[in-house]
Amino acid sequence: MFGLGPSELAIIAVIILLIFGARRLPEIGKGLGGALREFRNIKKEMARKKEGLDNAPGSDGEKGEKNEAGSLEEKVVGKVLEQVPGVRKAMDIKKKAEKIGKAIK
């Protein structure tokens, strides 16, 4: 697994446990699992749409791919924001920091 041995994985697990605490780990795991599940579902949906577009005569593949890529990104971001604890707060802080940066300039 990525060239990491059991001892390295154990050290990483202990560090994660210390950072997040035992109470938050199940929430984080559940959120990440849900986000991955939704990403797979969206990926399957996009593959079905692409198959449908390839069969349609006169369809413009490049424009469709750009729109689909944008919508795919938006869907994944939305699901991650819903399911992973702390990400929404981090995104809000990032937006506020960008506004402050623009105000300072």
Protein backbone atom coordinates (compact mmCIF):
# COMPACT_ATOMS: atom_id res chain seq x y z
CA MET A 1 0.00 0.00 0.00
CA PHE A 2 1.92 3.00 -1.35
CA GLY A 3 5.19 1.53 -0.10
CA LEU A 4 4.25 2.00 3.55
CA GLY A 5 4.95 -0.78 6.00
CA PRO A 6 2.89 -1.73 9.03
CA SER A 7 5.00 0.37 11.39
CA GLU A 8 4.55 3.53 9.28
CA LEU A 9 0.79 2.94 9.06
CA ALA A 10 0.61 2.46 12.84
CA ILE A 11 2.47 5.73 13.43
CA ILE A 12 0.15 7.57 11.03
CA ALA A 13 -2.89 6.06 12.76
CA VAL A 14 -1.63 7.19 16.18
CA ILE A 15 -0.98 10.73 14.91
CA ILE A 16 -4.46 10.91 13.37
CA LEU A 17 -5.95 9.62 16.63
CA LEU A 18 -4.11 12.31 18.60
CA ILE A 19 -5.11 15.10 16.23
CA PHE A 20 -8.80 14.30 15.83
CA GLY A 21 -9.56 12.28 18.94
CA ALA A 22 -11.45 9.03 19.27
CA ARG A 23 -14.88 10.68 19.15
CA ARG A 24 -14.40 12.38 15.77
CA LEU A 25 -12.78 9.48 13.88
CA PRO A 26 -16.05 7.59 13.17
CA GLU A 27 -17.68 10.81 11.92
CA ILE A 28 -14.75 11.54 9.63
CA GLY A 29 -14.66 7.97 8.32
CA LYS A 30 -18.40 7.97 7.68
CA GLY A 31 -18.19 11.30 5.87
CA LEU A 32 -15.28 10.25 3.70
CA GLY A 33 -16.94 6.93 2.88
CA GLY A 34 -20.14 8.69 1.89
CA ALA A 35 -18.23 11.17 -0.24
CA LEU A 36 -16.38 8.37 -2.03
CA ARG A 37 -19.66 6.50 -2.59
CA GLU A 38 -21.26 9.60 -4.08
CA PHE A 39 -18.20 10.21 -6.26
CA ARG A 40 -18.50 6.68 -7.66
CA ASN A 41 -22.22 7.19 -8.30
CA ILE A 42 -21.56 10.48 -10.09
CA LYS A 43 -18.78 8.85 -12.10
CA LYS A 44 -21.15 6.07 -13.22
CA GLU A 45 -23.82 8.64 -14.07
CA MET A 46 -21.34 10.63 -16.16
CA ALA A 47 -20.25 7.47 -17.98
CA ARG A 48 -23.89 6.70 -18.85
CA LYS A 49 -24.40 10.25 -20.11
CA LYS A 50 -21.22 10.06 -22.17
CA GLU A 51 -22.36 6.82 -23.78
CA GLY A 52 -25.66 8.49 -24.63
CA LEU A 53 -23.89 11.53 -26.12
CA ASP A 54 -21.56 9.39 -28.22
CA ASN A 55 -24.53 7.68 -29.85
CA ALA A 56 -26.32 10.96 -30.65
CA PRO A 57 -25.63 12.20 -34.21
CA GLY A 58 -24.08 15.64 -34.54
CA SER A 59 -23.29 16.07 -30.84
CA ASP A 60 -20.42 18.34 -29.90
CA GLY A 61 -18.23 16.28 -27.56
CA GLU A 62 -15.93 19.05 -26.37
CA LYS A 63 -18.63 21.42 -25.13
CA GLY A 64 -20.49 18.58 -23.44
CA GLU A 65 -17.34 17.38 -21.69
CA LYS A 66 -16.56 20.86 -20.34
CA ASN A 67 -20.09 21.30 -19.00
CA GLU A 68 -20.11 17.79 -17.54
CA ALA A 69 -16.71 18.32 -15.91
CA GLY A 70 -17.97 21.51 -14.28
CA SER A 71 -21.14 19.85 -13.05
CA LEU A 72 -19.19 16.83 -11.82
CA GLU A 73 -16.88 19.08 -9.83
CA GLU A 74 -19.84 20.98 -8.38
CA LYS A 75 -21.61 17.75 -7.38
CA VAL A 76 -18.51 16.31 -5.70
CA VAL A 77 -17.81 19.54 -3.83
CA GLY A 78 -21.42 19.68 -2.67
CA LYS A 79 -21.37 16.10 -1.39
CA VAL A 80 -18.05 16.59 0.39
CA LEU A 81 -19.34 19.75 2.05
CA GLU A 82 -22.42 17.87 3.22
CA GLN A 83 -20.72 14.76 4.52
CA VAL A 84 -17.22 15.50 5.79
CA PRO A 85 -17.18 17.37 9.11
CA GLY A 86 -15.06 20.49 9.22
CA VAL A 87 -14.78 20.99 5.47
CA ARG A 88 -17.64 23.49 5.35
CA LYS A 89 -16.01 25.57 8.11
CA ALA A 90 -12.69 25.47 6.29
CA MET A 91 -14.32 26.61 3.04
CA ASP A 92 -16.11 29.46 4.85
CA ILE A 93 -12.83 30.58 6.42
CA LYS A 94 -11.14 30.45 3.02
CA LYS A 95 -13.87 32.62 1.45
CA LYS A 96 -13.61 35.15 4.28
CA ALA A 97 -9.83 35.28 3.90
CA GLU A 98 -10.19 35.90 0.16
CA LYS A 99 -12.65 38.74 0.79
CA ILE A 100 -10.25 40.32 3.31
CA GLY A 101 -7.40 39.95 0.82
CA LYS A 102 -9.42 41.71 -1.88
CA ALA A 103 -10.42 44.47 0.56
CA ILE A 104 -6.79 45.08 1.52
CA LYS A 105 -5.67 45.43 -2.11
